[in-house]
C-alpha atoms as a PDB file:
ATOM      1  CA  MET A   1      16.505  23.450 -93.960  1.00  0.00           C
ATOM      2  CA  THR A   2      19.659  21.405 -94.121  1.00  0.00           C
ATOM      3  CA  THR A   3      22.971  23.191 -94.096  1.00  0.00           C
ATOM      4  CA  ASP A   4      24.583  20.913 -96.663  1.00  0.00           C
ATOM      5  CA  PRO A   5      22.394  20.505 -99.765  1.00  0.00           C
ATOM      6  CA  SER A   6      24.445  17.512-100.924  1.00  0.00           C
ATOM      7  CA  LYS A   7      23.233  15.607 -97.843  1.00  0.00           C
ATOM      8  CA  SER A   8      19.600  16.615 -98.225  1.00  0.00           C
ATOM      9  CA  PRO A   9      17.122  14.446-100.109  1.00  0.00           C
ATOM     10  CA  SER A  10      15.810  15.799-103.352  1.00  0.00           C
ATOM     11  CA  GLY A  11      12.849  18.113-103.016  1.00  0.00           C
ATOM     12  CA  SER A  12      11.506  16.801-106.301  1.00  0.00           C
ATOM     13  CA  SER A  13       8.444  14.639-105.965  1.00  0.00           C
ATOM     14  CA  SER A  14       7.986  14.019-109.662  1.00  0.00           C
ATOM     15  CA  ALA A  15      11.088  11.939-110.387  1.00  0.00           C
ATOM     16  CA  GLY A  16      10.141   8.428-111.393  1.00  0.00           C
ATOM     17  CA  SER A  17       6.401   9.069-111.273  1.00  0.00           C
ATOM     18  CA  SER A  18       4.298   7.030-113.596  1.00  0.00           C
ATOM     19  CA  SER A  19       2.223   8.950-116.054  1.00  0.00           C
ATOM     20  CA  ASN A  20      -0.913   6.943-115.477  1.00  0.00           C
ATOM     21  CA  GLY A  21      -1.069   7.549-111.716  1.00  0.00           C
ATOM     22  CA  SER A  22      -1.367   3.836-110.966  1.00  0.00           C
ATOM     23  CA  SER A  23      -0.190   2.433-107.682  1.00  0.00           C
ATOM     24  CA  SER A  24       1.715  -0.765-107.157  1.00  0.00           C
ATOM     25  CA  ALA A  25      -0.394  -1.254-104.026  1.00  0.00           C
ATOM     26  CA  GLY A  26      -3.556  -1.458-106.120  1.00  0.00           C
ATOM     27  CA  SER A  27      -6.136   1.044-107.193  1.00  0.00           C
ATOM     28  CA  PRO A  28      -7.315   3.667-104.735  1.00  0.00           C
ATOM     29  CA  PRO A  29     -10.902   3.434-103.535  1.00  0.00           C
ATOM     30  CA  ALA A  30     -13.485   5.172-105.711  1.00  0.00           C
ATOM     31  CA  GLY A  31     -13.479   8.929-105.144  1.00  0.00           C
ATOM     32  CA  SER A  32      -9.938   8.925-103.746  1.00  0.00           C
ATOM     33  CA  PRO A  33      -7.268  11.234-105.123  1.00  0.00           C
ATOM     34  CA  SER A  34      -4.840   9.809-107.657  1.00  0.00           C
ATOM     35  CA  ALA A  35      -1.628   8.129-106.580  1.00  0.00           C
ATOM     36  CA  ASP A  36       0.273  11.138-107.969  1.00  0.00           C
ATOM     37  CA  THR A  37      -1.773  13.534-105.817  1.00  0.00           C
ATOM     38  CA  LEU A  38      -1.252  11.348-102.748  1.00  0.00           C
ATOM     39  CA  ARG A  39       2.498  11.182-103.536  1.00  0.00           C
ATOM     40  CA  LYS A  40       2.685  14.978-103.439  1.00  0.00           C
ATOM     41  CA  LEU A  41       0.775  15.106-100.153  1.00  0.00           C
ATOM     42  CA  HIS A  42       2.857  12.417 -98.412  1.00  0.00           C
ATOM     43  CA  SER A  43       6.133  13.729 -99.847  1.00  0.00           C
ATOM     44  CA  ALA A  44       5.443  17.248 -98.613  1.00  0.00           C
ATOM     45  CA  ARG A  45       4.673  15.954 -95.120  1.00  0.00           C
ATOM     46  CA  ALA A  46       7.758  13.713 -95.155  1.00  0.00           C
ATOM     47  CA  ARG A  47      10.044  16.551 -96.268  1.00  0.00           C
ATOM     48  CA  SER A  48       8.588  18.849 -93.614  1.00  0.00           C
ATOM     49  CA  ALA A  49       9.142  16.263 -90.882  1.00  0.00           C
ATOM     50  CA  TYR A  50      12.659  15.628 -92.156  1.00  0.00           C
ATOM     51  CA  GLU A  51      13.440  19.344 -92.003  1.00  0.00           C
ATOM     52  CA  ARG A  52      12.101  19.447 -88.421  1.00  0.00           C
ATOM     53  CA  ALA A  53      14.365  16.535 -87.546  1.00  0.00           C
ATOM     54  CA  VAL A  54      17.373  18.270 -89.106  1.00  0.00           C
ATOM     55  CA  ALA A  55      16.573  21.462 -87.194  1.00  0.00           C
ATOM     56  CA  ALA A  56      16.119  19.674 -83.865  1.00  0.00           C
ATOM     57  CA  CYS A  57      19.382  17.772 -84.361  1.00  0.00           C
ATOM     58  CA  ARG A  58      21.200  20.970 -85.285  1.00  0.00           C
ATOM     59  CA  HIS A  59      19.745  22.716 -82.216  1.00  0.00           C
ATOM     60  CA  ALA A  60      20.892  19.817 -80.024  1.00  0.00           C
ATOM     61  CA  GLY A  61      24.364  19.899 -81.559  1.00  0.00           C
ATOM     62  CA  ILE A  62      24.007  16.482 -83.166  1.00  0.00           C
ATOM     63  CA  ASP A  63      26.436  16.088 -86.027  1.00  0.00           C
ATOM     64  CA  PRO A  64      25.218  13.864 -88.880  1.00  0.00           C
ATOM     65  CA  ASP A  65      28.565  12.057 -88.632  1.00  0.00           C
ATOM     66  CA  ALA A  66      27.444  10.773 -85.209  1.00  0.00           C
ATOM     67  CA  ALA A  67      25.183   8.235 -86.969  1.00  0.00           C
ATOM     68  CA  GLN A  68      25.785   4.682 -85.807  1.00  0.00           C
ATOM     69  CA  THR A  69      24.595   1.621 -87.693  1.00  0.00           C
ATOM     70  CA  VAL A  70      23.959  -0.001 -84.333  1.00  0.00           C
ATOM     71  CA  PRO A  71      23.246   3.037 -82.155  1.00  0.00           C
ATOM     72  CA  THR A  72      24.616   2.967 -78.625  1.00  0.00           C
ATOM     73  CA  SER A  73      23.377   6.390 -77.553  1.00  0.00           C
ATOM     74  CA  PRO A  74      20.399   8.681 -78.126  1.00  0.00           C
ATOM     75  CA  VAL A  75      22.634  10.971 -80.201  1.00  0.00           C
ATOM     76  CA  GLY A  76      23.769   8.053 -82.381  1.00  0.00           C
ATOM     77  CA  ARG A  77      20.171   6.863 -82.704  1.00  0.00           C
ATOM     78  CA  ALA A  78      18.921  10.325 -83.753  1.00  0.00           C
ATOM     79  CA  ALA A  79      21.753  10.830 -86.256  1.00  0.00           C
ATOM     80  CA  ASN A  80      21.173   7.362 -87.718  1.00  0.00           C
ATOM     81  CA  ALA A  81      17.416   7.923 -87.987  1.00  0.00           C
ATOM     82  CA  LEU A  82      18.126  11.196 -89.785  1.00  0.00           C
ATOM     83  CA  ARG A  83      20.451   9.412 -92.215  1.00  0.00           C
ATOM     84  CA  LEU A  84      17.883   6.680 -92.888  1.00  0.00           C
ATOM     85  CA  SER A  85      15.129   9.237 -93.352  1.00  0.00           C
ATOM     86  CA  ALA A  86      17.222  11.126 -95.917  1.00  0.00           C
ATOM     87  CA  GLN A  87      17.861   7.880 -97.805  1.00  0.00           C
ATOM     88  CA  SER A  88      14.164   7.038 -97.721  1.00  0.00           C
ATOM     89  CA  LEU A  89      13.192  10.442 -99.117  1.00  0.00           C
ATOM     90  CA  THR A  90      15.764  10.129-101.876  1.00  0.00           C
ATOM     91  CA  ALA A  91      14.464   6.665-102.770  1.00  0.00           C
ATOM     92  CA  LEU A  92      10.886   7.929-102.690  1.00  0.00           C
ATOM     93  CA  ALA A  93      11.688  10.506-105.363  1.00  0.00           C
ATOM     94  CA  GLY A  94      12.947   7.752-107.669  1.00  0.00           C
ATOM     95  CA  THR A  95       9.967   5.399-107.533  1.00  0.00           C
ATOM     96  CA  ALA A  96       6.463   5.275-108.933  1.00  0.00           C
ATOM     97  CA  PRO A  97       3.759   6.629-106.616  1.00  0.00           C
ATOM     98  CA  ASP A  98       2.508   4.091-104.097  1.00  0.00           C
ATOM     99  CA  PRO A  99       0.225   5.653-101.462  1.00  0.00           C
ATOM    100  CA  ALA A 100       0.984   3.022 -98.824  1.00  0.00           C
ATOM    101  CA  ALA A 101       4.766   3.250 -99.245  1.00  0.00           C
ATOM    102  CA  ASP A 102       4.637   7.037 -99.544  1.00  0.00           C
ATOM    103  CA  ALA A 103       2.634   7.284 -96.308  1.00  0.00           C
ATOM    104  CA  ARG A 104       5.116   4.973 -94.566  1.00  0.00           C
ATOM    105  CA  CYS A 105       7.953   7.266 -95.660  1.00  0.00           C
ATOM    106  CA  ALA A 106       6.096  10.243 -94.143  1.00  0.00           C
ATOM    107  CA  ARG A 107       5.445   8.205 -90.990  1.00  0.00           C
ATOM    108  CA  ASN A 108       9.113   7.306 -90.672  1.00  0.00           C
ATOM    109  CA  ALA A 109      10.221  10.905 -91.188  1.00  0.00           C
ATOM    110  CA  ALA A 110       7.769  12.025 -88.493  1.00  0.00           C
ATOM    111  CA  ALA A 111       9.120   9.354 -86.147  1.00  0.00           C
ATOM    112  CA  THR A 112      12.646  10.613 -86.859  1.00  0.00           C
ATOM    113  CA  ALA A 113      11.539  14.147 -86.026  1.00  0.00           C
ATOM    114  CA  ALA A 114       9.961  12.932 -82.784  1.00  0.00           C
ATOM    115  CA  LEU A 115      13.176  11.152 -81.797  1.00  0.00           C
ATOM    116  CA  ALA A 116      15.213  14.258 -82.634  1.00  0.00           C
ATOM    117  CA  ALA A 117      12.793  16.374 -80.582  1.00  0.00           C
ATOM    118  CA  GLN A 118      13.225  14.038 -77.614  1.00  0.00           C
ATOM    119  CA  VAL A 119      17.008  14.338 -77.793  1.00  0.00           C
ATOM    120  CA  ALA A 120      16.857  18.125 -78.311  1.00  0.00           C
ATOM    121  CA  THR A 121      14.508  18.483 -75.338  1.00  0.00           C
ATOM    122  CA  HIS A 122      16.769  16.378 -73.136  1.00  0.00           C
ATOM    123  CA  MET A 123      19.880  18.290 -74.183  1.00  0.00           C
ATOM    124  CA  SER A 124      18.159  21.665 -73.731  1.00  0.00           C
ATOM    125  CA  ALA A 125      17.127  20.674 -70.212  1.00  0.00           C
ATOM    126  CA  GLN A 126      20.756  19.933 -69.391  1.00  0.00           C
ATOM    127  CA  VAL A 127      22.035  23.225 -70.802  1.00  0.00           C
ATOM    128  CA  THR A 128      19.473  25.718 -69.573  1.00  0.00           C
ATOM    129  CA  GLY A 129      17.234  25.947 -66.575  1.00  0.00           C
ATOM    130  CA  SER A 130      14.936  28.589 -68.059  1.00  0.00           C
ATOM    131  CA  GLN A 131      11.239  27.812 -67.630  1.00  0.00           C
ATOM    132  CA  ASP A 132      10.486  29.586 -70.934  1.00  0.00           C
ATOM    133  CA  ASP A 133      12.975  27.373 -72.756  1.00  0.00           C
ATOM    134  CA  HIS A 134      11.617  24.289 -71.002  1.00  0.00           C
ATOM    135  CA  ALA A 135       8.010  25.165 -71.865  1.00  0.00           C
ATOM    136  CA  GLY A 136       8.898  25.798 -75.516  1.00  0.00           C
ATOM    137  CA  THR A 137      10.836  22.577 -75.928  1.00  0.00           C
ATOM    138  CA  ALA A 138       8.182  20.567 -74.076  1.00  0.00           C
ATOM    139  CA  THR A 139       5.512  21.969 -76.399  1.00  0.00           C
ATOM    140  CA  ALA A 140       7.664  21.181 -79.449  1.00  0.00           C
ATOM    141  CA  LEU A 141       8.226  17.646 -78.190  1.00  0.00           C
ATOM    142  CA  ARG A 142       4.489  17.059 -77.613  1.00  0.00           C
ATOM    143  CA  ALA A 143       3.707  18.429 -81.082  1.00  0.00           C
ATOM    144  CA  ALA A 144       6.373  16.185 -82.649  1.00  0.00           C
ATOM    145  CA  LEU A 145       4.972  13.130 -80.883  1.00  0.00           C
ATOM    146  CA  THR A 146       1.435  14.050 -81.956  1.00  0.00           C
ATOM    147  CA  ALA A 147       2.577  14.499 -85.572  1.00  0.00           C
ATOM    148  CA  SER A 148       4.323  11.128 -85.464  1.00  0.00           C
ATOM    149  CA  GLN A 149       1.204   9.407 -84.126  1.00  0.00           C
ATOM    150  CA  ALA A 150      -1.015  11.100 -86.729  1.00  0.00           C
ATOM    151  CA  ALA A 151       1.364  10.090 -89.531  1.00  0.00           C
ATOM    152  CA  ALA A 152       1.327   6.513 -88.249  1.00  0.00           C
ATOM    153  CA  LYS A 153      -2.478   6.458 -88.322  1.00  0.00           C
ATOM    154  CA  ALA A 154      -2.500   7.886 -91.862  1.00  0.00           C
ATOM    155  CA  ALA A 155      -0.062   5.181 -92.979  1.00  0.00           C
ATOM    156  CA  GLY A 156      -1.988   2.336 -91.336  1.00  0.00           C
ATOM    157  CA  GLY A 157      -5.369   0.795 -91.802  1.00  0.00           C
ATOM    158  CA  THR A 158      -6.996  -0.827 -94.771  1.00  0.00           C
ATOM    159  CA  ALA A 159      -6.686   2.207 -97.060  1.00  0.00           C
ATOM    160  CA  ALA A 160      -3.025   2.811 -96.116  1.00  0.00           C
ATOM    161  CA  GLY A 161      -2.102   6.319 -97.132  1.00  0.00           C
ATOM    162  CA  GLN A 162      -5.368   6.886 -99.011  1.00  0.00           C
ATOM    163  CA  ASP A 163      -7.730   7.949 -96.215  1.00  0.00           C
ATOM    164  CA  MET A 164      -8.075  11.686 -96.805  1.00  0.00           C
ATOM    165  CA  ALA A 165      -9.507  12.358 -93.341  1.00  0.00           C
ATOM    166  CA  LEU A 166      -6.476  10.731 -91.685  1.00  0.00           C
ATOM    167  CA  ASN A 167      -4.145  12.489 -94.134  1.00  0.00           C
ATOM    168  CA  ALA A 168      -5.730  15.845 -93.254  1.00  0.00           C
ATOM    169  CA  ILE A 169      -5.243  15.163 -89.540  1.00  0.00           C
ATOM    170  CA  ALA A 170      -1.604  14.216 -90.178  1.00  0.00           C
ATOM    171  CA  ASP A 171      -1.040  17.343 -92.286  1.00  0.00           C
ATOM    172  CA  ASP A 172      -2.546  19.527 -89.576  1.00  0.00           C
ATOM    173  CA  ALA A 173      -0.426  17.861 -86.888  1.00  0.00           C
ATOM    174  CA  GLU A 174       2.689  18.375 -89.022  1.00  0.00           C
ATOM    175  CA  ASP A 175       1.859  22.066 -89.453  1.00  0.00           C
ATOM    176  CA  ARG A 176       1.476  22.418 -85.679  1.00  0.00           C
ATOM    177  CA  ALA A 177       4.754  20.594 -85.092  1.00  0.00           C
ATOM    178  CA  VAL A 178       6.538  23.006 -87.426  1.00  0.00           C
ATOM    179  CA  GLU A 179       5.014  25.982 -85.567  1.00  0.00           C
ATOM    180  CA  ALA A 180       6.073  24.524 -82.214  1.00  0.00           C
ATOM    181  CA  ALA A 181       9.609  23.803 -83.456  1.00  0.00           C
ATOM    182  CA  ARG A 182       9.878  27.395 -84.627  1.00  0.00           C
ATOM    183  CA  ALA A 183       8.569  28.696 -81.296  1.00  0.00           C
ATOM    184  CA  ALA A 184      11.155  26.542 -79.489  1.00  0.00           C
ATOM    185  CA  GLY A 185      13.908  28.135 -81.607  1.00  0.00           C
ATOM    186  CA  TRP A 186      14.788  24.938 -83.421  1.00  0.00           C
ATOM    187  CA  MET A 187      13.912  26.213 -86.899  1.00  0.00           C
END
């Protein structure tokens, strides 16, 4: 969780939702969940990935004020990605459900978490030489990268954000990334 609620995106996924469940990206394939249902699924995954990114940045000592519009360092890049992810989640809460856009938001949050995990792993390696710490951070990094790749697959393809098998894989990968981040002491 973020330490400053005023800097955290809204946890509400219902703001701005259309009542008819239609998507600006077109109708979902027959038998697919509604756009509102997909919004909830993608939003939950995006918020989870964002919280992982916040935790990894906090663990690495990355201050949100280190964000750089044109990043010149891994720390500046991670802080900027975190800032952009927060803005994206806030914007998501204020728009009508769109499975493709919602899945891209989750993908971007997962990519932010993967970047933050890379920086946290690098910084942990510099601070401690413990094999246990190294193994935990390496596992958390691999899980973050896997979650990012799964989110990218769920956001891509012809049924962007609407393929329930890919969404389930991405959800599972996100759950594992959260577990690994906790085991590494980031959350």
